[in-house]
Amino acid sequence: MTLQQNDIGATWLARAGLRPTRQRVTLAGLLIGDGQHRHVTAESLFDAAKAQGEAVSLATVYNTLRAFCDVGLMQEVTVDGSKSYFDTNTHDHPHFYWEDEARLTDAPSDQLVISRVPDAPEGAEIASVDVVIRLRRKK
């Protein structure tokens, strides 16, 4: 990992008020160090850190991703009720889930039209609406 990636990661954390531990800076640099948005699983981020020679446990990756979500740096997108992806693009937008590849990508926001959502039950409010469009390759 380059010093520039670490600097970008540390700045990202500071803006959110997160303490820049070595592990957080490392993972932040991997996530946003090149300025591109990412959809990662904890496992794929763990593998990327290992490939760069970083000593970080899978539990630390999970905890760090949770901390990033808690302060609004990332959003969690759940697929199949059990598989979570973490997205560095926190703006409201739909996703494509490519079933054959177990991969999540952004879908074009300008093509999605939601004309109405059900009213929230008494005593509740809608926190967000997640749209995941499941795709599979034609045979």
C-alpha atoms as a PDB file:
ATOM      1  CA  MET A   1       0.000   0.000   0.000  1.00  0.00           C
ATOM      2  CA  THR A   2       1.299   3.442  -0.879  1.00  0.00           C
ATOM      3  CA  LEU A   3       1.730   6.334   1.505  1.00  0.00           C
ATOM      4  CA  GLN A   4      -0.794   8.282  -0.567  1.00  0.00           C
ATOM      5  CA  GLN A   5      -3.419   5.547  -0.047  1.00  0.00           C
ATOM      6  CA  ASN A   6      -2.734   5.658   3.691  1.00  0.00           C
ATOM      7  CA  ASP A   7      -3.051   9.465   3.729  1.00  0.00           C
ATOM      8  CA  ILE A   8      -6.345   9.314   1.839  1.00  0.00           C
ATOM      9  CA  GLY A   9      -7.602   6.625   4.227  1.00  0.00           C
ATOM     10  CA  ALA A  10      -6.556   8.592   7.314  1.00  0.00           C
ATOM     11  CA  THR A  11      -8.279  11.736   6.008  1.00  0.00           C
ATOM     12  CA  TRP A  12     -11.462   9.756   5.283  1.00  0.00           C
ATOM     13  CA  LEU A  13     -11.468   8.427   8.851  1.00  0.00           C
ATOM     14  CA  ALA A  14     -10.748  11.835  10.381  1.00  0.00           C
ATOM     15  CA  ARG A  15     -13.688  13.434   8.565  1.00  0.00           C
ATOM     16  CA  ALA A  16     -15.963  10.825  10.153  1.00  0.00           C
ATOM     17  CA  GLY A  17     -14.406  11.247  13.593  1.00  0.00           C
ATOM     18  CA  LEU A  18     -12.931   7.736  13.694  1.00  0.00           C
ATOM     19  CA  ARG A  19      -9.614   7.116  15.413  1.00  0.00           C
ATOM     20  CA  PRO A  20      -7.053   6.228  12.719  1.00  0.00           C
ATOM     21  CA  THR A  21      -5.729   2.905  13.992  1.00  0.00           C
ATOM     22  CA  ARG A  22      -3.219   1.128  11.780  1.00  0.00           C
ATOM     23  CA  GLN A  23      -5.813  -1.460  10.737  1.00  0.00           C
ATOM     24  CA  ARG A  24      -8.480   1.149   9.957  1.00  0.00           C
ATOM     25  CA  VAL A  25      -6.069   3.234   7.884  1.00  0.00           C
ATOM     26  CA  THR A  26      -4.935   0.142   5.995  1.00  0.00           C
ATOM     27  CA  LEU A  27      -8.468  -1.001   5.221  1.00  0.00           C
ATOM     28  CA  ALA A  28      -9.625   2.534   4.375  1.00  0.00           C
ATOM     29  CA  GLY A  29      -6.710   2.886   1.955  1.00  0.00           C
ATOM     30  CA  LEU A  30      -7.694  -0.358   0.240  1.00  0.00           C
ATOM     31  CA  LEU A  31     -11.316   0.770   0.013  1.00  0.00           C
ATOM     32  CA  ILE A  32     -10.950   4.346  -1.249  1.00  0.00           C
ATOM     33  CA  GLY A  33      -7.238   4.913  -1.868  1.00  0.00           C
ATOM     34  CA  ASP A  34      -7.628   5.069  -5.640  1.00  0.00           C
ATOM     35  CA  GLY A  35     -10.775   7.210  -5.583  1.00  0.00           C
ATOM     36  CA  GLN A  36     -12.997   4.442  -6.964  1.00  0.00           C
ATOM     37  CA  HIS A  37     -16.114   3.124  -5.236  1.00  0.00           C
ATOM     38  CA  ARG A  38     -16.040  -0.478  -4.089  1.00  0.00           C
ATOM     39  CA  HIS A  39     -18.494  -3.243  -3.232  1.00  0.00           C
ATOM     40  CA  VAL A  40     -16.652  -5.636  -0.941  1.00  0.00           C
ATOM     41  CA  THR A  41     -17.396  -8.478   1.378  1.00  0.00           C
ATOM     42  CA  ALA A  42     -15.465  -8.800   4.607  1.00  0.00           C
ATOM     43  CA  GLU A  43     -13.758 -11.826   3.118  1.00  0.00           C
ATOM     44  CA  SER A  44     -12.715 -10.068  -0.096  1.00  0.00           C
ATOM     45  CA  LEU A  45     -11.306  -7.106   1.863  1.00  0.00           C
ATOM     46  CA  PHE A  46      -9.484  -9.503   4.184  1.00  0.00           C
ATOM     47  CA  ASP A  47      -7.971 -11.252   1.143  1.00  0.00           C
ATOM     48  CA  ALA A  48      -6.917  -7.905  -0.373  1.00  0.00           C
ATOM     49  CA  ALA A  49      -5.217  -6.894   2.876  1.00  0.00           C
ATOM     50  CA  LYS A  50      -3.409 -10.243   3.093  1.00  0.00           C
ATOM     51  CA  ALA A  51      -2.278  -9.929  -0.537  1.00  0.00           C
ATOM     52  CA  GLN A  52      -0.646  -6.602   0.395  1.00  0.00           C
ATOM     53  CA  GLY A  53       1.135  -8.253   3.325  1.00  0.00           C
ATOM     54  CA  GLU A  54      -1.026  -6.574   5.967  1.00  0.00           C
ATOM     55  CA  ALA A  55      -1.512  -8.403   9.259  1.00  0.00           C
ATOM     56  CA  VAL A  56      -5.200  -8.073  10.043  1.00  0.00           C
ATOM     57  CA  SER A  57      -7.686 -10.671  11.258  1.00  0.00           C
ATOM     58  CA  LEU A  58     -11.011 -11.408   9.608  1.00  0.00           C
ATOM     59  CA  ALA A  59     -12.746 -10.392  12.866  1.00  0.00           C
ATOM     60  CA  THR A  60     -10.999  -7.015  12.713  1.00  0.00           C
ATOM     61  CA  VAL A  61     -12.164  -6.561   9.121  1.00  0.00           C
ATOM     62  CA  TYR A  62     -15.767  -7.282  10.148  1.00  0.00           C
ATOM     63  CA  ASN A  63     -15.546  -4.906  13.118  1.00  0.00           C
ATOM     64  CA  THR A  64     -13.944  -2.193  11.005  1.00  0.00           C
ATOM     65  CA  LEU A  65     -16.561  -2.442   8.267  1.00  0.00           C
ATOM     66  CA  ARG A  66     -19.278  -2.217  10.939  1.00  0.00           C
ATOM     67  CA  ALA A  67     -17.602   0.893  12.401  1.00  0.00           C
ATOM     68  CA  PHE A  68     -17.373   2.459   8.918  1.00  0.00           C
ATOM     69  CA  CYS A  69     -21.102   1.807   8.386  1.00  0.00           C
ATOM     70  CA  ASP A  70     -22.019   3.141  11.818  1.00  0.00           C
ATOM     71  CA  VAL A  71     -20.481   6.551  11.044  1.00  0.00           C
ATOM     72  CA  GLY A  72     -21.848   6.692   7.485  1.00  0.00           C
ATOM     73  CA  LEU A  73     -18.646   6.049   5.537  1.00  0.00           C
ATOM     74  CA  MET A  74     -20.148   2.939   3.931  1.00  0.00           C
ATOM     75  CA  GLN A  75     -23.483   1.248   3.564  1.00  0.00           C
ATOM     76  CA  GLU A  76     -24.259  -2.415   4.024  1.00  0.00           C
ATOM     77  CA  VAL A  77     -26.226  -4.176   1.298  1.00  0.00           C
ATOM     78  CA  THR A  78     -27.603  -7.561   2.314  1.00  0.00           C
ATOM     79  CA  VAL A  79     -28.220 -10.181  -0.342  1.00  0.00           C
ATOM     80  CA  ASP A  80     -30.043 -13.445   0.407  1.00  0.00           C
ATOM     81  CA  GLY A  81     -30.571 -12.362   4.012  1.00  0.00           C
ATOM     82  CA  SER A  82     -27.149 -13.667   4.958  1.00  0.00           C
ATOM     83  CA  LYS A  83     -24.536 -12.338   2.518  1.00  0.00           C
ATOM     84  CA  SER A  84     -23.462  -8.751   3.152  1.00  0.00           C
ATOM     85  CA  TYR A  85     -21.663  -6.434   0.788  1.00  0.00           C
ATOM     86  CA  PHE A  86     -20.248  -3.100   1.867  1.00  0.00           C
ATOM     87  CA  ASP A  87     -20.456  -0.157  -0.505  1.00  0.00           C
ATOM     88  CA  THR A  88     -18.294   2.963  -0.334  1.00  0.00           C
ATOM     89  CA  ASN A  89     -20.931   4.887  -2.325  1.00  0.00           C
ATOM     90  CA  THR A  90     -23.325   6.066   0.382  1.00  0.00           C
ATOM     91  CA  HIS A  91     -25.721   7.914  -1.915  1.00  0.00           C
ATOM     92  CA  ASP A  92     -29.094   6.256  -2.473  1.00  0.00           C
ATOM     93  CA  HIS A  93     -28.804   4.012  -5.517  1.00  0.00           C
ATOM     94  CA  PRO A  94     -29.959   0.575  -6.691  1.00  0.00           C
ATOM     95  CA  HIS A  95     -27.746  -2.449  -7.181  1.00  0.00           C
ATOM     96  CA  PHE A  96     -27.466  -5.389  -9.522  1.00  0.00           C
ATOM     97  CA  TYR A  97     -26.617  -8.687  -7.864  1.00  0.00           C
ATOM     98  CA  TRP A  98     -25.039 -11.063 -10.364  1.00  0.00           C
ATOM     99  CA  GLU A  99     -26.124 -14.468  -9.019  1.00  0.00           C
ATOM    100  CA  ASP A 100     -23.755 -16.501 -11.207  1.00  0.00           C
ATOM    101  CA  GLU A 101     -20.747 -14.550  -9.954  1.00  0.00           C
ATOM    102  CA  ALA A 102     -21.920 -13.579  -6.425  1.00  0.00           C
ATOM    103  CA  ARG A 103     -21.013  -9.999  -7.353  1.00  0.00           C
ATOM    104  CA  LEU A 104     -22.691  -6.681  -6.571  1.00  0.00           C
ATOM    105  CA  THR A 105     -22.531  -3.672  -8.904  1.00  0.00           C
ATOM    106  CA  ASP A 106     -24.269  -0.319  -9.085  1.00  0.00           C
ATOM    107  CA  ALA A 107     -27.388  -0.085 -11.234  1.00  0.00           C
ATOM    108  CA  PRO A 108     -28.304   3.159 -13.027  1.00  0.00           C
ATOM    109  CA  SER A 109     -30.222   5.369 -10.590  1.00  0.00           C
ATOM    110  CA  ASP A 110     -31.745   7.457 -13.351  1.00  0.00           C
ATOM    111  CA  GLN A 111     -33.598   4.399 -14.700  1.00  0.00           C
ATOM    112  CA  LEU A 112     -35.246   3.468 -11.406  1.00  0.00           C
ATOM    113  CA  VAL A 113     -38.680   4.894 -10.685  1.00  0.00           C
ATOM    114  CA  ILE A 114     -40.425   4.093  -7.417  1.00  0.00           C
ATOM    115  CA  SER A 115     -43.816   5.758  -7.432  1.00  0.00           C
ATOM    116  CA  ARG A 116     -44.960   4.648  -3.998  1.00  0.00           C
ATOM    117  CA  VAL A 117     -43.823   2.637  -1.019  1.00  0.00           C
ATOM    118  CA  PRO A 118     -46.150   1.260   1.638  1.00  0.00           C
ATOM    119  CA  ASP A 119     -46.801   3.429   4.685  1.00  0.00           C
ATOM    120  CA  ALA A 120     -44.750   2.465   7.708  1.00  0.00           C
ATOM    121  CA  PRO A 121     -46.720   0.785  10.497  1.00  0.00           C
ATOM    122  CA  GLU A 122     -47.835   2.914  13.437  1.00  0.00           C
ATOM    123  CA  GLY A 123     -44.881   3.938  15.583  1.00  0.00           C
ATOM    124  CA  ALA A 124     -42.304   3.257  12.870  1.00  0.00           C
ATOM    125  CA  GLU A 125     -40.599   5.257  10.158  1.00  0.00           C
ATOM    126  CA  ILE A 126     -38.929   4.158   6.941  1.00  0.00           C
ATOM    127  CA  ALA A 127     -35.179   4.380   7.428  1.00  0.00           C
ATOM    128  CA  SER A 128     -34.246   3.456   3.865  1.00  0.00           C
ATOM    129  CA  VAL A 129     -35.344   1.514   0.822  1.00  0.00           C
ATOM    130  CA  ASP A 130     -32.816  -0.891  -0.644  1.00  0.00           C
ATOM    131  CA  VAL A 131     -33.237  -2.044  -4.228  1.00  0.00           C
ATOM    132  CA  VAL A 132     -31.280  -5.103  -5.296  1.00  0.00           C
ATOM    133  CA  ILE A 133     -32.058  -6.431  -8.762  1.00  0.00           C
ATOM    134  CA  ARG A 134     -30.983 -10.037  -9.076  1.00  0.00           C
ATOM    135  CA  LEU A 135     -29.509 -11.043 -12.435  1.00  0.00           C
ATOM    136  CA  ARG A 136     -28.392 -14.268 -14.022  1.00  0.00           C
ATOM    137  CA  ARG A 137     -26.825 -14.825 -17.413  1.00  0.00           C
ATOM    138  CA  LYS A 138     -29.135 -16.058 -20.170  1.00  0.00           C
ATOM    139  CA  LYS A 139     -28.450 -19.628 -21.183  1.00  0.00           C
END
